[in-house]
Protein backbone atom coordinates (compact mmCIF):
# COMPACT_ATOMS: atom_id res chain seq x y z
CA UNK A 1 14.06 8.06 -43.83
CA UNK A 2 14.56 6.69 -40.32
CA UNK A 3 15.12 3.23 -38.79
CA UNK A 4 13.20 1.54 -35.99
CA UNK A 5 15.03 -1.34 -34.27
CA UNK A 6 12.97 -3.92 -32.37
CA UNK A 7 15.12 -6.76 -31.08
CA UNK A 8 16.87 -8.22 -34.12
CA UNK A 9 14.39 -6.60 -36.52
CA UNK A 10 14.90 -3.32 -38.34
CA UNK A 11 12.20 -1.30 -40.08
CA UNK A 12 12.60 1.80 -42.23
CA UNK A 13 9.98 4.52 -42.62
CA UNK A 14 9.71 7.79 -44.47
CA UNK A 15 7.05 9.27 -42.20
CA UNK A 16 5.98 8.93 -38.58
CA UNK A 17 4.72 5.54 -37.42
CA UNK A 18 2.48 4.82 -34.43
CA UNK A 19 3.84 2.28 -31.93
CA UNK A 20 0.51 0.44 -31.80
CA UNK A 21 0.83 -0.29 -35.54
CA UNK A 22 4.25 -1.88 -35.02
CA UNK A 23 2.90 -4.30 -32.39
CA UNK A 24 1.01 -6.12 -35.19
CA UNK A 25 4.32 -7.73 -36.22
CA UNK A 26 4.68 -9.53 -32.88
CA UNK A 27 2.75 -12.10 -30.87
CA UNK A 28 1.44 -11.15 -27.45
CA UNK A 29 -0.49 -8.33 -25.83
CA UNK A 30 1.47 -5.14 -25.22
CA UNK A 31 0.46 -2.11 -23.17
CA UNK A 32 3.39 0.29 -23.67
CA UNK A 33 6.92 0.44 -25.00
CA UNK A 34 10.40 1.69 -24.22
CA UNK A 35 11.62 4.01 -26.96
CA UNK A 36 15.28 5.00 -26.63
CA UNK A 37 14.94 4.14 -22.92
CA UNK A 38 11.91 6.35 -22.36
CA UNK A 39 8.51 4.94 -21.46
CA UNK A 40 5.99 5.66 -24.24
CA UNK A 41 2.31 4.95 -24.75
CA UNK A 42 1.34 2.82 -27.74
CA UNK A 43 -0.27 5.93 -29.22
CA UNK A 44 3.19 7.55 -29.47
CA UNK A 45 4.37 8.33 -33.00
CA UNK A 46 8.02 7.62 -33.83
CA UNK A 47 9.67 9.92 -36.37
CA UNK A 48 13.41 9.46 -35.72
CA UNK A 49 15.88 6.58 -35.45
CA UNK A 50 14.70 4.61 -32.44
CA UNK A 51 15.26 1.41 -30.48
CA UNK A 52 11.97 -0.04 -29.27
CA UNK A 53 11.07 -2.66 -26.69
CA UNK A 54 7.39 -3.58 -26.31
CA UNK A 55 6.13 -4.18 -22.78
CA UNK A 56 3.73 -6.99 -21.94
CA UNK A 57 2.58 -8.11 -18.49
CA UNK A 58 6.08 -9.22 -17.50
CA UNK A 59 6.87 -5.55 -16.80
CA UNK A 60 5.69 -3.54 -13.76
CA UNK A 61 5.08 -0.52 -16.02
CA UNK A 62 2.41 -2.51 -17.87
CA UNK A 63 0.63 -3.41 -14.62
CA UNK A 64 0.65 0.24 -13.59
CA UNK A 65 -0.65 1.45 -16.97
CA UNK A 66 -3.42 -1.15 -16.94
CA UNK A 67 -4.47 -0.16 -13.40
CA UNK A 68 -4.46 3.55 -14.30
CA UNK A 69 -6.53 2.91 -17.42
CA UNK A 70 -8.94 0.70 -15.45
CA UNK A 71 -9.63 3.52 -12.99
CA UNK A 72 -10.31 5.80 -15.95
CA UNK A 73 -12.72 3.26 -17.46
CA UNK A 74 -14.62 2.87 -14.18
CA UNK A 75 -14.96 6.64 -13.75
CA UNK A 76 -16.14 6.95 -17.34
CA UNK A 77 -18.79 4.25 -16.82
CA UNK A 78 -20.03 5.92 -13.63
CA UNK A 79 -20.11 9.29 -15.42
CA UNK A 80 -22.35 7.83 -18.12
CA UNK A 81 -24.84 6.19 -15.73
CA UNK A 82 -24.56 8.21 -12.51
CA UNK A 83 -23.08 11.56 -13.64
CA UNK A 84 -23.47 13.18 -10.21
CA UNK A 85 -21.61 10.42 -8.36
CA UNK A 86 -17.88 10.98 -7.90
CA UNK A 87 -15.75 7.94 -7.09
CA UNK A 88 -12.92 7.80 -4.58
CA UNK A 89 -10.29 5.11 -5.09
CA UNK A 90 -8.26 3.78 -2.19
CA UNK A 91 -5.21 1.59 -2.01
CA UNK A 92 -4.94 -2.02 -3.04
CA UNK A 93 -7.01 -4.71 -1.33
CA UNK A 94 -6.47 -8.35 -2.32
CA UNK A 95 -4.26 -7.12 -5.18
CA UNK A 96 -7.15 -5.06 -6.56
CA UNK A 97 -8.46 -1.49 -6.54
CA UNK A 98 -11.08 -0.49 -3.98
CA UNK A 99 -13.52 2.31 -4.79
CA UNK A 100 -16.62 3.89 -3.30
CA UNK A 101 -18.81 6.97 -3.82
CA UNK A 102 -17.56 10.19 -2.24
CA UNK A 103 -21.16 10.90 -1.28
CA UNK A 104 -24.24 8.72 -1.33
CA UNK A 105 -24.54 4.95 -1.25
CA UNK A 106 -23.92 2.17 -3.72
CA UNK A 107 -25.97 -1.00 -4.19
CA UNK A 108 -25.09 -4.33 -5.85
CA UNK A 109 -27.51 -3.55 -8.67
CA UNK A 110 -25.82 -0.20 -9.31
CA UNK A 111 -22.46 -1.97 -9.51
CA UNK A 112 -23.91 -4.49 -11.99
CA UNK A 113 -25.10 -1.62 -14.19
CA UNK A 114 -21.62 -0.09 -14.14
CA UNK A 115 -20.07 -3.44 -15.10
CA UNK A 116 -22.42 -3.76 -18.07
CA UNK A 117 -21.55 -0.21 -19.15
CA UNK A 118 -17.81 -0.98 -18.87
CA UNK A 119 -18.19 -4.02 -21.13
CA UNK A 120 -20.11 -1.89 -23.64
CA UNK A 121 -17.38 0.77 -23.67
CA UNK A 122 -14.75 -1.95 -24.18
CA UNK A 123 -16.80 -3.53 -27.00
CA UNK A 124 -16.97 -0.15 -28.79
CA UNK A 125 -13.14 0.02 -28.80
CA UNK A 126 -13.11 3.75 -28.19
CA UNK A 127 -9.78 5.59 -28.59
CA UNK A 128 -8.27 7.16 -25.46
CA UNK A 129 -6.52 10.30 -26.65
CA UNK A 130 -4.06 12.43 -24.70
CA UNK A 131 -4.54 16.16 -25.10
CA UNK A 132 -2.81 19.19 -23.73
CA UNK A 133 -5.11 21.78 -22.15
CA UNK A 134 -4.73 25.05 -20.31
CA UNK A 135 -5.26 25.23 -16.55
CA UNK A 136 -8.12 27.66 -17.05
CA UNK A 137 -9.87 25.29 -19.45
CA UNK A 138 -9.56 22.29 -17.12
CA UNK A 139 -10.61 24.27 -14.06
CA UNK A 140 -13.75 25.29 -15.95
CA UNK A 141 -14.52 21.70 -16.99
CA UNK A 142 -13.84 20.23 -13.52
CA UNK A 143 -15.64 23.10 -11.82
CA UNK A 144 -18.79 22.48 -13.88
CA UNK A 145 -18.84 18.92 -12.55
CA UNK A 146 -18.12 20.13 -8.99
CA UNK A 147 -14.80 18.24 -8.92
CA UNK A 148 -13.34 20.61 -6.32
CA UNK A 149 -10.54 18.13 -5.46
CA UNK A 150 -9.25 18.30 -9.05
CA UNK A 151 -9.57 22.07 -9.24
CA UNK A 152 -7.56 22.51 -6.03
CA UNK A 153 -4.88 20.08 -7.23
CA UNK A 154 -4.44 22.08 -10.44
CA UNK A 155 -3.16 24.98 -8.33
CA UNK A 156 0.13 23.08 -8.09
CA UNK A 157 0.51 22.52 -11.83
CA UNK A 158 2.10 24.70 -14.47
CA UNK A 159 0.20 26.66 -17.09
CA UNK A 160 -0.83 23.61 -19.12
CA UNK A 161 -1.76 20.02 -18.21
CA UNK A 162 -2.32 16.71 -19.94
CA UNK A 163 -5.82 15.26 -20.04
CA UNK A 164 -7.28 12.16 -21.66
CA UNK A 165 -10.44 12.23 -23.78
CA UNK A 166 -12.58 9.21 -24.64
CA UNK A 167 -15.90 9.68 -26.43
CA UNK A 168 -16.29 13.12 -24.86
CA UNK A 169 -15.26 12.05 -21.35
CA UNK A 170 -12.29 14.01 -19.93
CA UNK A 171 -10.11 13.00 -16.98
CA UNK A 172 -6.47 12.73 -15.97
CA UNK A 173 -5.11 9.84 -13.89
CA UNK A 174 -1.51 11.07 -13.45
CA UNK A 175 -0.08 8.24 -15.48
CA UNK A 176 0.15 6.73 -18.94
CA UNK A 177 -2.85 5.01 -20.53
CA UNK A 178 -3.62 2.27 -23.04
CA UNK A 179 -4.53 3.59 -26.53
CA UNK A 180 -8.12 2.38 -26.59
CA UNK A 181 -10.76 0.70 -24.44
CA UNK A 182 -10.41 -2.74 -26.09
CA UNK A 183 -7.18 -3.31 -24.12
CA UNK A 184 -9.13 -3.40 -20.84
CA UNK A 185 -11.16 -6.56 -21.40
CA UNK A 186 -9.63 -8.53 -18.52
CA UNK A 187 -11.03 -7.59 -15.12
CA UNK A 188 -13.33 -8.73 -12.34
CA UNK A 189 -15.45 -6.16 -10.52
CA UNK A 190 -17.90 -6.86 -7.72
CA UNK A 191 -19.78 -5.13 -4.93
CA UNK A 192 -17.67 -4.93 -1.76
CA UNK A 193 -19.65 -3.00 0.85
CA UNK A 194 -19.84 -0.05 0.98
CA UNK A 195 -18.11 0.19 -2.40
CA UNK A 196 -16.65 -2.15 -4.99
CA UNK A 197 -13.44 -4.02 -5.73
CA UNK A 198 -11.92 -4.41 -9.18
CA UNK A 199 -9.15 -6.89 -9.88
CA UNK A 200 -7.05 -7.17 -13.02
CA UNK A 201 -4.02 -9.12 -14.35
CA UNK A 202 -0.88 -8.70 -12.25
CA UNK A 203 2.79 -9.29 -12.95
CA UNK A 204 3.01 -11.16 -9.63
CA UNK A 205 0.51 -13.69 -11.05
CA UNK A 206 2.24 -13.89 -14.45
CA UNK A 207 -0.43 -11.80 -16.14
CA UNK A 208 -3.40 -13.55 -14.54
CA UNK A 209 -6.12 -12.07 -12.32
CA UNK A 210 -5.23 -13.04 -8.72
CA UNK A 211 -7.53 -15.28 -6.75
CA UNK A 212 -9.67 -13.23 -4.37
CA UNK A 213 -8.74 -13.43 -0.71
CA UNK A 214 -10.86 -11.41 1.70
CA UNK A 215 -8.90 -9.12 4.01
CA UNK A 216 -11.29 -7.66 6.62
CA UNK A 217 -8.47 -6.63 8.99
CA UNK A 218 -6.61 -4.93 6.16
CA UNK A 219 -9.74 -3.03 5.09
CA UNK A 220 -10.39 -1.94 8.68
CA UNK A 221 -6.90 -0.47 8.98
CA UNK A 222 -7.26 1.35 5.64
CA UNK A 223 -10.60 2.80 6.78
CA UNK A 224 -9.04 4.05 10.02
CA UNK A 225 -6.13 5.53 8.08
CA UNK A 226 -8.52 7.34 5.76
CA UNK A 227 -10.49 8.78 8.66
CA UNK A 228 -7.26 9.87 10.33
CA UNK A 229 -6.11 11.70 7.19
CA UNK A 230 -9.49 13.44 6.92
CA UNK A 231 -9.41 14.44 10.60
CA UNK A 232 -6.04 16.13 10.28
CA UNK A 233 -7.00 17.69 6.92
CA UNK A 234 -4.35 15.80 4.97
CA UNK A 235 -6.21 13.26 2.86
CA UNK A 236 -5.17 15.10 -0.33
CA UNK A 237 -1.75 16.41 -1.33
CA UNK A 238 -3.11 19.91 -1.90
CA UNK A 239 -4.48 19.95 1.66
CA UNK A 240 -1.07 19.02 3.08
CA UNK A 241 0.53 21.72 0.98
CA UNK A 242 -1.97 24.23 2.37
CA UNK A 243 -1.00 23.24 5.94
CA UNK A 244 2.67 23.87 5.15
CA UNK A 245 1.90 27.20 3.42
CA UNK A 246 -0.06 28.26 6.54
CA UNK A 247 3.01 27.57 8.76
CA UNK A 248 1.33 24.61 10.46
CA UNK A 249 4.15 22.12 9.86
CA UNK A 250 5.02 21.77 13.56
CA UNK A 251 1.40 21.01 14.42
CA UNK A 252 1.09 18.62 11.48
CA UNK A 253 4.26 16.67 12.32
CA UNK A 254 3.35 16.27 15.98
CA UNK A 255 -0.20 15.16 15.22
CA UNK A 256 1.20 12.35 13.08
CA UNK A 257 3.77 11.36 15.70
CA UNK A 258 1.05 11.29 18.35
CA UNK A 259 -0.83 8.76 16.23
CA UNK A 260 2.19 6.44 16.51
CA UNK A 261 2.41 7.06 20.26
CA UNK A 262 -1.27 6.21 20.68
CA UNK A 263 -0.87 2.94 18.80
CA UNK A 264 2.12 2.00 20.96
CA UNK A 265 0.17 2.82 24.10
CA UNK A 266 -2.72 0.66 22.91
CA UNK A 267 -0.33 -2.21 22.17
CA UNK A 268 1.32 -1.83 25.56
CA UNK A 269 -2.06 -2.10 27.27
CA UNK A 270 -3.10 -5.18 25.29
CA UNK A 271 0.15 -7.07 25.87
CA UNK A 272 0.63 -6.14 29.54
CA UNK A 273 -2.93 -7.23 30.39
CA UNK A 274 -2.15 -10.73 29.09
CA UNK A 275 1.53 -10.93 30.03
CA UNK A 276 1.00 -14.18 31.96
CA UNK A 277 0.11 -15.91 28.68
CA UNK A 278 2.16 -14.05 26.06
CA UNK A 279 5.68 -15.43 25.83
CA UNK A 280 6.57 -14.51 22.25
CA UNK A 281 5.89 -11.23 20.41
CA UNK A 282 6.42 -11.73 16.67
CA UNK A 283 6.79 -8.66 14.40
CA UNK A 284 6.77 -8.83 10.59
CA UNK A 285 6.16 -6.49 7.70
CA UNK A 286 7.38 -5.71 4.20
CA UNK A 287 10.61 -3.87 3.43
CA UNK A 288 10.99 -0.36 4.87
CA UNK A 289 8.00 -0.59 7.18
CA UNK A 290 10.06 0.66 10.13
CA UNK A 291 10.30 -2.66 11.99
CA UNK A 292 13.59 -1.85 13.72
CA UNK A 293 12.50 1.44 15.31
CA UNK A 294 9.06 0.05 16.09
CA UNK A 295 10.59 -2.91 17.95
CA UNK A 296 12.76 -0.59 20.05
CA UNK A 297 9.86 1.70 20.87
CA UNK A 298 7.60 -1.24 21.74
CA UNK A 299 10.32 -2.53 24.08
CA UNK A 300 10.39 0.85 25.86
CA UNK A 301 6.58 1.00 25.97
CA UNK A 302 6.48 -2.39 27.70
CA UNK A 303 9.26 -1.42 30.12
CA UNK A 304 7.13 1.50 31.36
CA UNK A 305 4.64 -1.17 32.44
CA UNK A 306 7.23 -3.22 34.29
CA UNK A 307 7.62 -5.71 31.43
CA UNK A 308 11.24 -6.24 30.33
CA UNK A 309 11.32 -8.15 27.03
CA UNK A 310 14.26 -9.98 25.48
CA UNK A 311 14.89 -9.06 21.84
CA UNK A 312 16.23 -11.81 19.57
CA UNK A 313 17.27 -11.17 15.97
CA UNK A 314 16.06 -13.76 13.48
CA UNK A 315 18.96 -12.76 11.22
CA UNK A 316 21.33 -14.66 13.53
CA UNK A 317 19.65 -17.92 12.54
CA UNK A 318 20.53 -17.77 8.85
CA UNK A 319 22.21 -20.81 7.38
CA UNK A 320 25.27 -20.31 5.19
CA UNK A 321 24.41 -19.54 1.52
CA UNK A 322 25.47 -23.04 0.41
CA UNK A 323 22.84 -24.50 2.78
CA UNK A 324 20.01 -22.24 1.57
CA UNK A 325 17.30 -23.38 -0.90
CA UNK A 326 17.85 -22.57 -4.59
CA UNK A 327 15.53 -20.09 -6.30
CA UNK A 328 14.12 -20.23 -9.84
CA UNK A 329 17.26 -18.52 -11.15
CA UNK A 330 19.60 -21.11 -9.64
CA UNK A 331 20.80 -18.76 -6.89
CA UNK A 332 20.63 -19.21 -3.08
CA UNK A 333 17.19 -18.01 -1.97
CA UNK A 334 18.06 -16.16 1.24
CA UNK A 335 14.46 -14.96 1.67
CA UNK A 336 13.09 -18.51 1.86
CA UNK A 337 11.95 -19.62 5.32
CA UNK A 338 14.18 -22.68 4.97
CA UNK A 339 17.21 -20.40 4.65
CA UNK A 340 16.87 -20.18 8.45
CA UNK A 341 17.90 -22.84 10.95
CA UNK A 342 14.32 -23.55 12.02
CA UNK A 343 15.21 -26.41 14.35
CA UNK A 344 17.74 -24.36 16.31
CA UNK A 345 15.42 -21.33 16.48
CA UNK A 346 12.47 -23.35 17.76
CA UNK A 347 14.65 -25.17 20.27
CA UNK A 348 16.20 -21.93 21.59
CA UNK A 349 12.82 -20.20 21.99
CA UNK A 350 11.25 -23.26 23.64
CA UNK A 351 14.16 -23.66 26.08
CA UNK A 352 14.02 -19.97 27.03
CA UNK A 353 10.27 -20.10 27.64
CA UNK A 354 10.76 -23.22 29.78
CA UNK A 355 13.28 -21.36 31.95
CA UNK A 356 16.42 -23.07 30.65
CA UNK A 357 19.73 -21.28 30.09
CA UNK A 358 20.52 -20.89 26.37
CA UNK A 359 23.50 -19.82 24.26
CA UNK A 360 22.07 -17.77 21.38
CA UNK A 361 23.75 -17.67 17.95
CA UNK A 362 25.44 -14.60 16.51
CA UNK A 363 25.79 -14.86 12.74
CA UNK A 364 28.82 -13.08 11.29
CA UNK A 365 27.60 -11.94 7.87
CA UNK A 366 31.10 -10.87 6.85
CA UNK A 367 32.81 -14.21 7.51
CA UNK A 368 29.60 -16.25 7.04
CA UNK A 369 30.15 -18.17 10.30
CA UNK A 370 28.11 -18.63 13.48
CA UNK A 371 29.29 -17.74 16.97
CA UNK A 372 27.41 -17.96 20.28
CA UNK A 373 26.63 -15.70 23.23
CA UNK A 374 27.11 -16.51 26.88
CA UNK A 375 24.21 -18.40 28.43
CA UNK A 376 20.98 -16.40 28.82
CA UNK A 377 18.01 -17.18 31.06
CA UNK A 378 14.67 -15.37 31.42
CA UNK A 379 11.75 -15.48 33.86
CA UNK A 380 8.07 -16.10 33.15
CA UNK A 381 7.23 -12.40 32.81
CA UNK A 382 9.89 -11.75 30.17
CA UNK A 383 8.36 -11.97 26.69
CA UNK A 384 10.66 -12.59 23.75
CA UNK A 385 10.45 -10.12 20.84
CA UNK A 386 11.40 -11.37 17.38
CA UNK A 387 11.32 -9.28 14.20
CA UNK A 388 11.81 -10.30 10.59
CA UNK A 389 10.28 -11.31 7.28
CA UNK A 390 9.13 -14.73 8.58
CA UNK A 391 8.08 -13.75 12.10
CA UNK A 392 4.37 -14.41 11.46
CA UNK A 393 5.00 -17.74 9.73
CA UNK A 394 4.11 -20.58 12.10
CA UNK A 395 6.86 -22.71 10.54
CA UNK A 396 9.33 -20.46 12.33
CA UNK A 397 7.67 -20.95 15.73
CA UNK A 398 5.88 -24.28 15.36
CA UNK A 399 7.00 -25.50 18.82
CA UNK A 400 5.29 -22.51 20.49
CA UNK A 401 1.54 -22.81 21.26
CA UNK A 402 -0.62 -20.20 19.53
CA UNK A 403 -1.92 -19.03 22.91
CA UNK A 404 1.62 -17.93 23.84
CA UNK A 405 2.22 -15.93 20.64
CA UNK A 406 1.21 -12.34 19.94
CA UNK A 407 1.64 -11.46 16.27
CA UNK A 408 2.08 -7.90 15.01
CA UNK A 409 1.99 -6.93 11.34
CA UNK A 410 3.57 -3.55 10.57
CA UNK A 411 3.37 -1.56 7.35
CA UNK A 412 2.62 2.02 6.25
CA UNK A 413 -1.05 2.31 5.32
CA UNK A 414 -1.30 5.75 3.80
CA UNK A 415 -4.68 6.97 2.62
CA UNK A 416 -3.57 10.10 0.81
CA UNK A 417 -4.85 10.90 -2.67
CA UNK A 418 -3.74 13.29 -5.38
CA UNK A 419 -7.45 13.68 -5.98
CA UNK A 420 -10.42 11.36 -5.39
CA UNK A 421 -9.68 9.30 -8.51
CA UNK A 422 -5.94 8.94 -7.84
CA UNK A 423 -4.60 7.37 -4.63
CA UNK A 424 -0.93 7.38 -3.68
CA UNK A 425 0.69 3.98 -4.12
CA UNK A 426 1.75 2.41 -0.79
CA UNK A 427 4.56 0.53 -2.51
CA UNK A 428 6.03 3.81 -3.79
CA UNK A 429 6.08 5.13 -0.21
CA UNK A 430 8.08 2.14 1.03
CA UNK A 431 10.38 2.27 -2.01
CA UNK A 432 11.18 5.94 -1.37
CA UNK A 433 11.91 5.16 2.28
CA UNK A 434 14.29 2.41 1.20
CA UNK A 435 16.03 4.56 -1.42
CA UNK A 436 16.73 7.21 1.21
CA UNK A 437 17.82 4.70 3.87
CA UNK A 438 20.04 2.65 1.55
CA UNK A 439 21.92 5.75 0.44
CA UNK A 440 22.24 7.11 4.00
CA UNK A 441 23.33 3.94 5.79
CA UNK A 442 24.35 1.29 3.25
CA UNK A 443 26.19 3.37 0.67
CA UNK A 444 23.79 1.90 -1.91
CA UNK A 445 22.75 4.08 -4.82
CA UNK A 446 19.13 4.62 -5.81
CA UNK A 447 19.91 2.73 -9.02
CA UNK A 448 20.98 -0.37 -7.09
CA UNK A 449 17.95 -0.14 -4.79
CA UNK A 450 15.64 -0.01 -7.81
CA UNK A 451 17.46 -3.02 -9.27
CA UNK A 452 16.83 -5.04 -6.09
CA UNK A 453 13.21 -3.96 -5.64
CA UNK A 454 11.50 -6.58 -7.89
CA UNK A 455 13.21 -9.38 -5.94
CA UNK A 456 12.19 -7.76 -2.66
CA UNK A 457 8.59 -7.53 -3.84
CA UNK A 458 8.51 -11.19 -4.90
CA UNK A 459 9.66 -12.17 -1.42
CA UNK A 460 6.96 -10.03 0.19
CA UNK A 461 4.16 -11.60 -1.83
CA UNK A 462 5.43 -15.08 -1.01
CA UNK A 463 6.47 -14.78 2.63
CA UNK A 464 4.65 -11.83 4.23
CA UNK A 465 1.29 -10.97 2.70
CA UNK A 466 -0.27 -14.45 3.15
CA UNK A 467 0.04 -14.03 6.95
CA UNK A 468 -1.50 -10.56 7.41
CA UNK A 469 -4.88 -11.82 8.55
CA UNK A 470 -3.26 -14.05 11.21
CA UNK A 471 -1.91 -10.99 13.06
CA UNK A 472 -3.31 -10.06 16.47
CA UNK A 473 -2.57 -6.38 15.77
CA UNK A 474 -1.85 -4.37 12.62
CA UNK A 475 0.38 -1.37 13.27
CA UNK A 476 0.14 1.46 10.74
CA UNK A 477 3.67 2.86 10.49
CA UNK A 478 2.69 5.62 8.04
CA UNK A 479 3.45 9.21 8.99
CA UNK A 480 1.21 11.37 6.83
CA UNK A 481 3.79 14.17 6.62
CA UNK A 482 6.73 11.94 5.69
CA UNK A 483 6.79 12.42 1.90
CA UNK A 484 7.20 16.15 2.53
CA UNK A 485 10.42 15.30 4.40
CA UNK A 486 11.64 12.43 2.23
CA UNK A 487 11.31 14.59 -0.88
CA UNK A 488 14.66 16.39 -0.66
CA UNK A 489 16.61 13.20 0.12
CA UNK A 490 14.89 11.07 -2.53
CA UNK A 491 15.09 13.69 -5.29
CA UNK A 492 18.83 14.06 -4.82
CA UNK A 493 19.29 10.29 -4.99
CA UNK A 494 17.00 9.71 -7.97
CA UNK A 495 18.52 12.52 -10.03
CA UNK A 496 21.86 10.69 -9.95
CA UNK A 497 20.48 7.89 -12.13
CA UNK A 498 21.75 8.47 -15.69
CA UNK A 499 19.50 8.74 -18.72
CA UNK A 500 20.85 5.51 -20.25
CA UNK A 501 20.15 3.43 -17.12
CA UNK A 502 17.44 0.78 -17.40
CA UNK A 503 16.03 2.26 -14.16
CA UNK A 504 15.77 5.83 -15.47
CA UNK A 505 12.07 5.38 -16.36
CA UNK A 506 11.19 4.28 -12.82
CA UNK A 507 13.27 7.08 -11.31
CA UNK A 508 11.73 9.71 -13.59
CA UNK A 509 8.21 8.66 -12.58
CA UNK A 510 9.08 8.99 -8.88
CA UNK A 511 10.69 12.39 -9.46
CA UNK A 512 7.51 13.69 -11.13
CA UNK A 513 5.44 12.35 -8.24
CA UNK A 514 7.57 13.97 -5.53
CA UNK A 515 7.32 17.39 -7.16
CA UNK A 516 3.68 17.64 -6.04
CA UNK A 517 4.73 17.93 -2.37
CA UNK A 518 5.79 21.01 -0.46
CA UNK A 519 8.85 20.36 1.72
CA UNK A 520 8.97 20.10 5.51
CA UNK A 521 12.31 20.74 7.25
CA UNK A 522 13.71 17.46 8.69
CA UNK A 523 14.68 19.46 11.79
CA UNK A 524 11.04 19.13 12.88
CA UNK A 525 11.18 15.30 12.94
CA UNK A 526 11.56 14.03 16.57
CA UNK A 527 14.74 12.09 17.36
CA UNK A 528 12.81 8.92 18.24
CA UNK A 529 10.53 9.09 15.20
CA UNK A 530 10.19 6.01 13.03
CA UNK A 531 11.05 8.29 10.09
CA UNK A 532 14.53 8.79 11.57
CA UNK A 533 15.26 5.15 10.71
CA UNK A 534 15.38 6.31 7.07
CA UNK A 535 16.67 9.90 7.16
CA UNK A 536 19.17 9.44 10.00
CA UNK A 537 20.00 10.91 13.42
CA UNK A 538 17.74 8.48 15.29
CA UNK A 539 18.39 8.01 18.99
CA UNK A 540 18.27 4.27 18.27
CA UNK A 541 21.12 4.27 15.73
CA UNK A 542 23.69 3.27 18.35
């Protein structure tokens, strides 16, 4: 006899009970559960005293499980109709999953056929069963289908691997799955040349499918990032590992750093050619994109062209917490654009551009008071550089004509896959950067960083992503080799999170992910690299 506790309810059983069966006692749609603080699929069978919490779409784990299962469903539908067509998934576009054939072309009619097949599979309510198989067995199965990417990836696994089977179809998506196909009935899939885009319910939209917003600039950057990764033979983790095993780490690191240098050079050319018109350079991007180092390096790039910019920190324009807007939890919303003194900022920037002398604010975050600099004056060929979460928001710079503004959006756009069906999550890359940086420079544990992350993400969706397409230039701050360097720092930080922490599940998932990468010695990272902003010893630290 054992007891299962769910909230205030207690159930007793004499034999094992499947989690999915227990969900029948509760209203709502659930996709997974926490069992004794471990993430479990609904197919998991409980046989000991357990505390259970069912997870609906108000949990990030549910969103991730749904997305993983959706990729599986799409691959299964393609396998049924076009068995010789392998699908490559890329990172999120318009809060959806982008996919395209590895070889060959796709037409709207082909996509419609796949959609019909997906609905049929869902209608049949087919069980998705996790099995444990030997490496030899899976290599044989994948090899027969010519899935070389999966065969190569298996070289970095132990003797046995998990695989999911559904009506004879076998695949593994490196994540937990829903128990059957009926759970995947909410999605929108359409042709998006040269591939397709599938969108599904998101936690950010309270369990609804987000409204589609086309992002041509975003897609262009992702396409360039993918081609870059292919060119340097690092579009798959196993390929990067091969480079390291072949003692090509120095070459690999410097190729990636050269990509950053080339982008900076391109930016320098664009801005210097129009320096008579550009008076304000605005830089924004989500957390841990490398904005600080990028701003410093852009300043130096412009100086080599005789342009000497003035850097102004938006942080100095924060109002005191009691003056900030209140969020939905009744707390000061310091990420809101109105948490800044917009009138003072606009007036200062306008006066500087007009050639007037200005005293700029210096906000003391310790004492929560504002001080001022001596008077500053600039000439017509001195552009002002601002950097921060709201830099692309025209509310911040509404007094400045659009013709005088040059907007830069910065973020890491990695196009690295585990295999064709499984892309690396861009959000995980930024989160790992932040975990490492917070521990190095802010004495903040990985547990505290994980606790803050949902709030950070909410701010990004509200205040950054809507302005991407307004940018004049999108800077890809990804360094393809970086996870091979971040690994040692992040693993040490994540392993400190105790088993009973509510963030253990998240940490454990990241630990498993990092283990796929071979390490690169941080000694090889240049002192002015953007990566140094996170691992330390940057020439810009002082």
